[in-house]
Amino acid sequence: MTLAVYKATARFPREELYGLTSQLRRCSASIGANIAEGCGKEGNRELYRFLQIASGSASELDYHLLLARDLNFLADPDYQNVIQ
């Protein structure tokens, strides 16, 4: 998913590099990173906490993808590809 987000955002307007492009890339990478960090912790309690953080990043990603589509930065087929 993170690779798909990077590929899709490569075509975003240059002026969005430090805006929406950066936000999408950071929250997509954060999902996997938080899951990996949680798996490296001892105990289910810590794992659960990092899974919650990853879930929050996934919700943020959903919103930013929808915004990018609505701003016509992301074509609907690309949006559907990343969402899947």
PDB file of N, CA and C in Angstrom:
ATOM      1  N   MET A   1       0.824  -1.175   0.000  1.00  0.00           N
ATOM      2  CA  MET A   1       0.000   0.000   0.000  1.00  0.00           C
ATOM      3  C   MET A   1       0.878   1.253   0.000  1.00  0.00           C
ATOM      4  N   THR A   2       1.904   1.255   0.821  1.00  0.00           N
ATOM      5  CA  THR A   2       2.786   2.421   0.877  1.00  0.00           C
ATOM      6  C   THR A   2       3.441   2.671  -0.475  1.00  0.00           C
ATOM      7  N   LEU A   3       3.840   1.606  -1.145  1.00  0.00           N
ATOM      8  CA  LEU A   3       4.443   1.760  -2.472  1.00  0.00           C
ATOM      9  C   LEU A   3       3.444   2.340  -3.459  1.00  0.00           C
ATOM     10  N   ALA A   4       2.189   1.904  -3.372  1.00  0.00           N
ATOM     11  CA  ALA A   4       1.145   2.437  -4.253  1.00  0.00           C
ATOM     12  C   ALA A   4       0.909   3.920  -3.976  1.00  0.00           C
ATOM     13  N   VAL A   5       0.956   4.319  -2.711  1.00  0.00           N
ATOM     14  CA  VAL A   5       0.781   5.732  -2.357  1.00  0.00           C
ATOM     15  C   VAL A   5       1.937   6.555  -2.921  1.00  0.00           C
ATOM     16  N   TYR A   6       3.168   6.074  -2.774  1.00  0.00           N
ATOM     17  CA  TYR A   6       4.321   6.795  -3.320  1.00  0.00           C
ATOM     18  C   TYR A   6       4.198   6.941  -4.830  1.00  0.00           C
ATOM     19  N   LYS A   7       3.785   5.883  -5.495  1.00  0.00           N
ATOM     20  CA  LYS A   7       3.636   5.920  -6.953  1.00  0.00           C
ATOM     21  C   LYS A   7       2.547   6.904  -7.360  1.00  0.00           C
ATOM     22  N   ALA A   8       1.417   6.867  -6.682  1.00  0.00           N
ATOM     23  CA  ALA A   8       0.299   7.753  -7.014  1.00  0.00           C
ATOM     24  C   ALA A   8       0.644   9.219  -6.745  1.00  0.00           C
ATOM     25  N   THR A   9       1.352   9.493  -5.670  1.00  0.00           N
ATOM     26  CA  THR A   9       1.654  10.881  -5.316  1.00  0.00           C
ATOM     27  C   THR A   9       2.798  11.466  -6.141  1.00  0.00           C
ATOM     28  N   ALA A  10       3.511  10.636  -6.867  1.00  0.00           N
ATOM     29  CA  ALA A  10       4.590  11.133  -7.725  1.00  0.00           C
ATOM     30  C   ALA A  10       4.048  12.054  -8.815  1.00  0.00           C
ATOM     31  N   ARG A  11       2.773  11.924  -9.138  1.00  0.00           N
ATOM     32  CA  ARG A  11       2.149  12.734 -10.179  1.00  0.00           C
ATOM     33  C   ARG A  11       1.384  13.937  -9.619  1.00  0.00           C
ATOM     34  N   PHE A  12       1.458  14.151  -8.329  1.00  0.00           N
ATOM     35  CA  PHE A  12       0.764  15.290  -7.713  1.00  0.00           C
ATOM     36  C   PHE A  12       1.455  16.592  -8.122  1.00  0.00           C
ATOM     37  N   PRO A  13       0.728  17.703  -8.049  1.00  0.00           N
ATOM     38  CA  PRO A  13       1.349  18.994  -8.362  1.00  0.00           C
ATOM     39  C   PRO A  13       2.566  19.265  -7.466  1.00  0.00           C
ATOM     40  N   ARG A  14       3.549  19.907  -8.028  1.00  0.00           N
ATOM     41  CA  ARG A  14       4.796  20.194  -7.308  1.00  0.00           C
ATOM     42  C   ARG A  14       4.542  21.003  -6.034  1.00  0.00           C
ATOM     43  N   GLU A  15       3.570  21.911  -6.089  1.00  0.00           N
ATOM     44  CA  GLU A  15       3.299  22.749  -4.913  1.00  0.00           C
ATOM     45  C   GLU A  15       2.720  21.959  -3.743  1.00  0.00           C
ATOM     46  N   GLU A  16       2.326  20.719  -3.973  1.00  0.00           N
ATOM     47  CA  GLU A  16       1.805  19.863  -2.902  1.00  0.00           C
ATOM     48  C   GLU A  16       2.886  18.995  -2.265  1.00  0.00           C
ATOM     49  N   LEU A  17       4.131  19.144  -2.714  1.00  0.00           N
ATOM     50  CA  LEU A  17       5.212  18.295  -2.208  1.00  0.00           C
ATOM     51  C   LEU A  17       5.310  18.316  -0.687  1.00  0.00           C
ATOM     52  N   TYR A  18       5.178  19.491  -0.091  1.00  0.00           N
ATOM     53  CA  TYR A  18       5.286  19.597   1.365  1.00  0.00           C
ATOM     54  C   TYR A  18       3.920  19.651   2.047  1.00  0.00           C
ATOM     55  N   GLY A  19       2.874  19.455   1.274  1.00  0.00           N
ATOM     56  CA  GLY A  19       1.516  19.449   1.809  1.00  0.00           C
ATOM     57  C   GLY A  19       0.928  18.052   1.765  1.00  0.00           C
ATOM     58  N   LEU A  20      -0.022  17.884   0.865  1.00  0.00           N
ATOM     59  CA  LEU A  20      -0.759  16.629   0.783  1.00  0.00           C
ATOM     60  C   LEU A  20       0.124  15.443   0.405  1.00  0.00           C
ATOM     61  N   THR A  21       1.068  15.652  -0.480  1.00  0.00           N
ATOM     62  CA  THR A  21       1.983  14.553  -0.863  1.00  0.00           C
ATOM     63  C   THR A  21       2.719  14.024   0.360  1.00  0.00           C
ATOM     64  N   SER A  22       3.284  14.932   1.122  1.00  0.00           N
ATOM     65  CA  SER A  22       4.028  14.546   2.321  1.00  0.00           C
ATOM     66  C   SER A  22       3.124  13.859   3.340  1.00  0.00           C
ATOM     67  N   GLN A  23       1.936  14.397   3.550  1.00  0.00           N
ATOM     68  CA  GLN A  23       0.997  13.816   4.517  1.00  0.00           C
ATOM     69  C   GLN A  23       0.622  12.387   4.132  1.00  0.00           C
ATOM     70  N   LEU A  24       0.303  12.181   2.858  1.00  0.00           N
ATOM     71  CA  LEU A  24      -0.075  10.850   2.389  1.00  0.00           C
ATOM     72  C   LEU A  24       1.068   9.851   2.553  1.00  0.00           C
ATOM     73  N   ARG A  25       2.248  10.260   2.196  1.00  0.00           N
ATOM     74  CA  ARG A  25       3.398   9.365   2.288  1.00  0.00           C
ATOM     75  C   ARG A  25       3.731   9.036   3.734  1.00  0.00           C
ATOM     76  N   ARG A  26       3.696  10.029   4.594  1.00  0.00           N
ATOM     77  CA  ARG A  26       4.034   9.799   5.998  1.00  0.00           C
ATOM     78  C   ARG A  26       3.025   8.892   6.682  1.00  0.00           C
ATOM     79  N   CYS A  27       1.726   9.140   6.497  1.00  0.00           N
ATOM     80  CA  CYS A  27       0.762   8.298   7.214  1.00  0.00           C
ATOM     81  C   CYS A  27       0.706   6.885   6.625  1.00  0.00           C
ATOM     82  N   SER A  28       0.957   6.727   5.317  1.00  0.00           N
ATOM     83  CA  SER A  28       0.960   5.370   4.758  1.00  0.00           C
ATOM     84  C   SER A  28       2.154   4.574   5.281  1.00  0.00           C
ATOM     85  N   ALA A  29       3.311   5.204   5.373  1.00  0.00           N
ATOM     86  CA  ALA A  29       4.492   4.522   5.905  1.00  0.00           C
ATOM     87  C   ALA A  29       4.354   4.253   7.398  1.00  0.00           C
ATOM     88  N   SER A  30       3.640   5.110   8.080  1.00  0.00           N
ATOM     89  CA  SER A  30       3.460   4.985   9.524  1.00  0.00           C
ATOM     90  C   SER A  30       2.663   3.738   9.906  1.00  0.00           C
ATOM     91  N   ILE A  31       1.744   3.325   9.055  1.00  0.00           N
ATOM     92  CA  ILE A  31       0.909   2.158   9.357  1.00  0.00           C
ATOM     93  C   ILE A  31       1.790   0.922   9.562  1.00  0.00           C
ATOM     94  N   GLY A  32       2.575   0.595   8.556  1.00  0.00           N
ATOM     95  CA  GLY A  32       3.449  -0.578   8.649  1.00  0.00           C
ATOM     96  C   GLY A  32       4.514  -0.439   9.721  1.00  0.00           C
ATOM     97  N   ALA A  33       5.045   0.774   9.879  1.00  0.00           N
ATOM     98  CA  ALA A  33       6.082   1.001  10.879  1.00  0.00           C
ATOM     99  C   ALA A  33       5.556   0.769  12.293  1.00  0.00           C
ATOM    100  N   ASN A  34       4.342   1.215  12.560  1.00  0.00           N
ATOM    101  CA  ASN A  34       3.767   1.015  13.895  1.00  0.00           C
ATOM    102  C   ASN A  34       3.421  -0.446  14.158  1.00  0.00           C
ATOM    103  N   ILE A  35       2.970  -1.146  13.144  1.00  0.00           N
ATOM    104  CA  ILE A  35       2.704  -2.573  13.311  1.00  0.00           C
ATOM    105  C   ILE A  35       4.013  -3.310  13.604  1.00  0.00           C
ATOM    106  N   ALA A  36       5.051  -2.978  12.849  1.00  0.00           N
ATOM    107  CA  ALA A  36       6.358  -3.616  13.072  1.00  0.00           C
ATOM    108  C   ALA A  36       6.897  -3.299  14.463  1.00  0.00           C
ATOM    109  N   GLU A  37       6.765  -2.053  14.883  1.00  0.00           N
ATOM    110  CA  GLU A  37       7.254  -1.689  16.211  1.00  0.00           C
ATOM    111  C   GLU A  37       6.481  -2.414  17.295  1.00  0.00           C
ATOM    112  N   GLY A  38       5.178  -2.530  17.129  1.00  0.00           N
ATOM    113  CA  GLY A  38       4.362  -3.243  18.112  1.00  0.00           C
ATOM    114  C   GLY A  38       4.724  -4.709  18.206  1.00  0.00           C
ATOM    115  N   CYS A  39       5.053  -5.313  17.063  1.00  0.00           N
ATOM    116  CA  CYS A  39       5.453  -6.725  17.064  1.00  0.00           C
ATOM    117  C   CYS A  39       6.790  -6.924  17.774  1.00  0.00           C
ATOM    118  N   GLY A  40       7.599  -5.885  17.823  1.00  0.00           N
ATOM    119  CA  GLY A  40       8.891  -5.977  18.483  1.00  0.00           C
ATOM    120  C   GLY A  40       8.832  -5.744  19.982  1.00  0.00           C
ATOM    121  N   LYS A  41       7.671  -5.386  20.485  1.00  0.00           N
ATOM    122  CA  LYS A  41       7.518  -5.129  21.918  1.00  0.00           C
ATOM    123  C   LYS A  41       7.116  -6.414  22.630  1.00  0.00           C
ATOM    124  N   GLU A  42       7.323  -6.411  23.922  1.00  0.00           N
ATOM    125  CA  GLU A  42       6.943  -7.581  24.714  1.00  0.00           C
ATOM    126  C   GLU A  42       5.543  -7.388  25.269  1.00  0.00           C
ATOM    127  N   GLY A  43       4.715  -8.371  25.071  1.00  0.00           N
ATOM    128  CA  GLY A  43       3.377  -8.350  25.645  1.00  0.00           C
ATOM    129  C   GLY A  43       2.320  -7.837  24.686  1.00  0.00           C
ATOM    130  N   ASN A  44       1.132  -8.372  24.867  1.00  0.00           N
ATOM    131  CA  ASN A  44       0.011  -8.008  24.016  1.00  0.00           C
ATOM    132  C   ASN A  44      -0.459  -6.578  24.232  1.00  0.00           C
ATOM    133  N   ARG A  45      -0.259  -6.077  25.434  1.00  0.00           N
ATOM    134  CA  ARG A  45      -0.711  -4.717  25.742  1.00  0.00           C
ATOM    135  C   ARG A  45       0.013  -3.678  24.867  1.00  0.00           C
ATOM    136  N   GLU A  46       1.323  -3.830  24.753  1.00  0.00           N
ATOM    137  CA  GLU A  46       2.111  -2.921  23.921  1.00  0.00           C
ATOM    138  C   GLU A  46       1.757  -3.100  22.445  1.00  0.00           C
ATOM    139  N   LEU A  47       1.621  -4.347  22.001  1.00  0.00           N
ATOM    140  CA  LEU A  47       1.236  -4.612  20.622  1.00  0.00           C
ATOM    141  C   LEU A  47      -0.092  -3.947  20.313  1.00  0.00           C
ATOM    142  N   TYR A  48      -1.072  -4.089  21.188  1.00  0.00           N
ATOM    143  CA  TYR A  48      -2.388  -3.494  20.995  1.00  0.00           C
ATOM    144  C   TYR A  48      -2.294  -1.973  20.868  1.00  0.00           C
ATOM    145  N   ARG A  49      -1.454  -1.356  21.689  1.00  0.00           N
ATOM    146  CA  ARG A  49      -1.296   0.098  21.642  1.00  0.00           C
ATOM    147  C   ARG A  49      -0.765   0.545  20.279  1.00  0.00           C
ATOM    148  N   PHE A  50       0.225  -0.168  19.746  1.00  0.00           N
ATOM    149  CA  PHE A  50       0.774   0.202  18.448  1.00  0.00           C
ATOM    150  C   PHE A  50      -0.191  -0.118  17.312  1.00  0.00           C
ATOM    151  N   LEU A  51      -1.002  -1.152  17.474  1.00  0.00           N
ATOM    152  CA  LEU A  51      -2.031  -1.439  16.469  1.00  0.00           C
ATOM    153  C   LEU A  51      -3.078  -0.334  16.448  1.00  0.00           C
ATOM    154  N   GLN A  52      -3.387   0.228  17.596  1.00  0.00           N
ATOM    155  CA  GLN A  52      -4.326   1.357  17.652  1.00  0.00           C
ATOM    156  C   GLN A  52      -3.745   2.578  16.941  1.00  0.00           C
ATOM    157  N   ILE A  53      -2.465   2.821  17.142  1.00  0.00           N
ATOM    158  CA  ILE A  53      -1.813   3.943  16.466  1.00  0.00           C
ATOM    159  C   ILE A  53      -1.833   3.725  14.957  1.00  0.00           C
ATOM    160  N   ALA A  54      -1.540   2.497  14.518  1.00  0.00           N
ATOM    161  CA  ALA A  54      -1.574   2.162  13.089  1.00  0.00           C
ATOM    162  C   ALA A  54      -2.973   2.352  12.525  1.00  0.00           C
ATOM    163  N   SER A  55      -3.983   1.980  13.299  1.00  0.00           N
ATOM    164  CA  SER A  55      -5.368   2.163  12.857  1.00  0.00           C
ATOM    165  C   SER A  55      -5.701   3.641  12.681  1.00  0.00           C
ATOM    166  N   GLY A  56      -5.207   4.474  13.575  1.00  0.00           N
ATOM    167  CA  GLY A  56      -5.407   5.908  13.446  1.00  0.00           C
ATOM    168  C   GLY A  56      -4.749   6.457  12.192  1.00  0.00           C
ATOM    169  N   SER A  57      -3.557   5.979  11.891  1.00  0.00           N
ATOM    170  CA  SER A  57      -2.865   6.399  10.667  1.00  0.00           C
ATOM    171  C   SER A  57      -3.624   5.939   9.431  1.00  0.00           C
ATOM    172  N   ALA A  58      -4.231   4.762   9.490  1.00  0.00           N
ATOM    173  CA  ALA A  58      -5.024   4.256   8.367  1.00  0.00           C
ATOM    174  C   ALA A  58      -6.252   5.138   8.136  1.00  0.00           C
ATOM    175  N   SER A  59      -6.874   5.591   9.202  1.00  0.00           N
ATOM    176  CA  SER A  59      -8.020   6.497   9.070  1.00  0.00           C
ATOM    177  C   SER A  59      -7.587   7.831   8.471  1.00  0.00           C
ATOM    178  N   GLU A  60      -6.441   8.319   8.905  1.00  0.00           N
ATOM    179  CA  GLU A  60      -5.897   9.561   8.347  1.00  0.00           C
ATOM    180  C   GLU A  60      -5.610   9.382   6.859  1.00  0.00           C
ATOM    181  N   LEU A  61      -5.045   8.239   6.492  1.00  0.00           N
ATOM    182  CA  LEU A  61      -4.755   7.959   5.089  1.00  0.00           C
ATOM    183  C   LEU A  61      -6.035   7.944   4.260  1.00  0.00           C
ATOM    184  N   ASP A  62      -7.073   7.312   4.769  1.00  0.00           N
ATOM    185  CA  ASP A  62      -8.362   7.287   4.060  1.00  0.00           C
ATOM    186  C   ASP A  62      -8.841   8.697   3.748  1.00  0.00           C
ATOM    187  N   TYR A  63      -8.767   9.570   4.751  1.00  0.00           N
ATOM    188  CA  TYR A  63      -9.222  10.948   4.555  1.00  0.00           C
ATOM    189  C   TYR A  63      -8.374  11.671   3.501  1.00  0.00           C
ATOM    190  N   HIS A  64      -7.052  11.564   3.623  1.00  0.00           N
ATOM    191  CA  HIS A  64      -6.172  12.269   2.686  1.00  0.00           C
ATOM    192  C   HIS A  64      -6.339  11.748   1.262  1.00  0.00           C
ATOM    193  N   LEU A  65      -6.563  10.451   1.104  1.00  0.00           N
ATOM    194  CA  LEU A  65      -6.801   9.900  -0.235  1.00  0.00           C
ATOM    195  C   LEU A  65      -8.098  10.439  -0.824  1.00  0.00           C
ATOM    196  N   LEU A  66      -9.117  10.506  -0.016  1.00  0.00           N
ATOM    197  CA  LEU A  66     -10.396  11.057  -0.472  1.00  0.00           C
ATOM    198  C   LEU A  66     -10.236  12.525  -0.864  1.00  0.00           C
ATOM    199  N   LEU A  67      -9.520  13.278  -0.065  1.00  0.00           N
ATOM    200  CA  LEU A  67      -9.269  14.689  -0.367  1.00  0.00           C
ATOM    201  C   LEU A  67      -8.501  14.824  -1.676  1.00  0.00           C
ATOM    202  N   ALA A  68      -7.473  14.002  -1.864  1.00  0.00           N
ATOM    203  CA  ALA A  68      -6.686  14.047  -3.097  1.00  0.00           C
ATOM    204  C   ALA A  68      -7.552  13.731  -4.305  1.00  0.00           C
ATOM    205  N   ARG A  69      -8.449  12.787  -4.160  1.00  0.00           N
ATOM    206  CA  ARG A  69      -9.367  12.461  -5.260  1.00  0.00           C
ATOM    207  C   ARG A  69     -10.305  13.629  -5.535  1.00  0.00           C
ATOM    208  N   ASP A  70     -10.855  14.207  -4.479  1.00  0.00           N
ATOM    209  CA  ASP A  70     -11.792  15.322  -4.647  1.00  0.00           C
ATOM    210  C   ASP A  70     -11.124  16.560  -5.243  1.00  0.00           C
ATOM    211  N   LEU A  71      -9.830  16.731  -5.001  1.00  0.00           N
ATOM    212  CA  LEU A  71      -9.074  17.847  -5.578  1.00  0.00           C
ATOM    213  C   LEU A  71      -8.569  17.539  -6.987  1.00  0.00           C
ATOM    214  N   ASN A  72      -8.903  16.351  -7.492  1.00  0.00           N
ATOM    215  CA  ASN A  72      -8.487  15.882  -8.819  1.00  0.00           C
ATOM    216  C   ASN A  72      -6.975  15.703  -8.940  1.00  0.00           C
ATOM    217  N   PHE A  73      -6.318  15.450  -7.821  1.00  0.00           N
ATOM    218  CA  PHE A  73      -4.899  15.100  -7.847  1.00  0.00           C
ATOM    219  C   PHE A  73      -4.737  13.602  -8.088  1.00  0.00           C
ATOM    220  N   LEU A  74      -5.771  12.855  -7.758  1.00  0.00           N
ATOM    221  CA  LEU A  74      -5.745  11.401  -7.829  1.00  0.00           C
ATOM    222  C   LEU A  74      -6.953  10.944  -8.640  1.00  0.00           C
ATOM    223  N   ALA A  75      -6.703  10.288  -9.765  1.00  0.00           N
ATOM    224  CA  ALA A  75      -7.786   9.779 -10.597  1.00  0.00           C
ATOM    225  C   ALA A  75      -8.524   8.675  -9.849  1.00  0.00           C
ATOM    226  N   ASP A  76      -9.806   8.525 -10.133  1.00  0.00           N
ATOM    227  CA  ASP A  76     -10.610   7.529  -9.419  1.00  0.00           C
ATOM    228  C   ASP A  76     -10.033   6.117  -9.522  1.00  0.00           C
ATOM    229  N   PRO A  77      -9.545   5.665 -10.698  1.00  0.00           N
ATOM    230  CA  PRO A  77      -8.947   4.312 -10.736  1.00  0.00           C
ATOM    231  C   PRO A  77      -7.735   4.173  -9.809  1.00  0.00           C
ATOM    232  N   ASP A  78      -6.924   5.220  -9.724  1.00  0.00           N
ATOM    233  CA  ASP A  78      -5.767   5.190  -8.810  1.00  0.00           C
ATOM    234  C   ASP A  78      -6.228   5.184  -7.357  1.00  0.00           C
ATOM    235  N   TYR A  79      -7.266   5.962  -7.078  1.00  0.00           N
ATOM    236  CA  TYR A  79      -7.848   5.990  -5.732  1.00  0.00           C
ATOM    237  C   TYR A  79      -8.342   4.600  -5.347  1.00  0.00           C
ATOM    238  N   GLN A  80      -9.087   3.963  -6.247  1.00  0.00           N
ATOM    239  CA  GLN A  80      -9.614   2.618  -5.977  1.00  0.00           C
ATOM    240  C   GLN A  80      -8.481   1.607  -5.789  1.00  0.00           C
ATOM    241  N   ASN A  81      -7.418   1.746  -6.569  1.00  0.00           N
ATOM    242  CA  ASN A  81      -6.278   0.832  -6.457  1.00  0.00           C
ATOM    243  C   ASN A  81      -5.634   0.923  -5.071  1.00  0.00           C
ATOM    244  N   VAL A  82      -5.421   2.133  -4.603  1.00  0.00           N
ATOM    245  CA  VAL A  82      -4.773   2.312  -3.299  1.00  0.00           C
ATOM    246  C   VAL A  82      -5.698   1.858  -2.179  1.00  0.00           C
ATOM    247  N   ILE A  83      -6.976   2.185  -2.282  1.00  0.00           N
ATOM    248  CA  ILE A  83      -7.948   1.803  -1.246  1.00  0.00           C
ATOM    249  C   ILE A  83      -8.049   0.278  -1.120  1.00  0.00           C
ATOM    250  N   GLN A  84      -7.983  -0.412  -2.237  1.00  0.00           N
ATOM    251  CA  GLN A  84      -8.073  -1.877  -2.208  1.00  0.00           C
ATOM    252  C   GLN A  84      -6.866  -2.446  -1.522  1.00  0.00           C
TER     253      GLN A  84
END
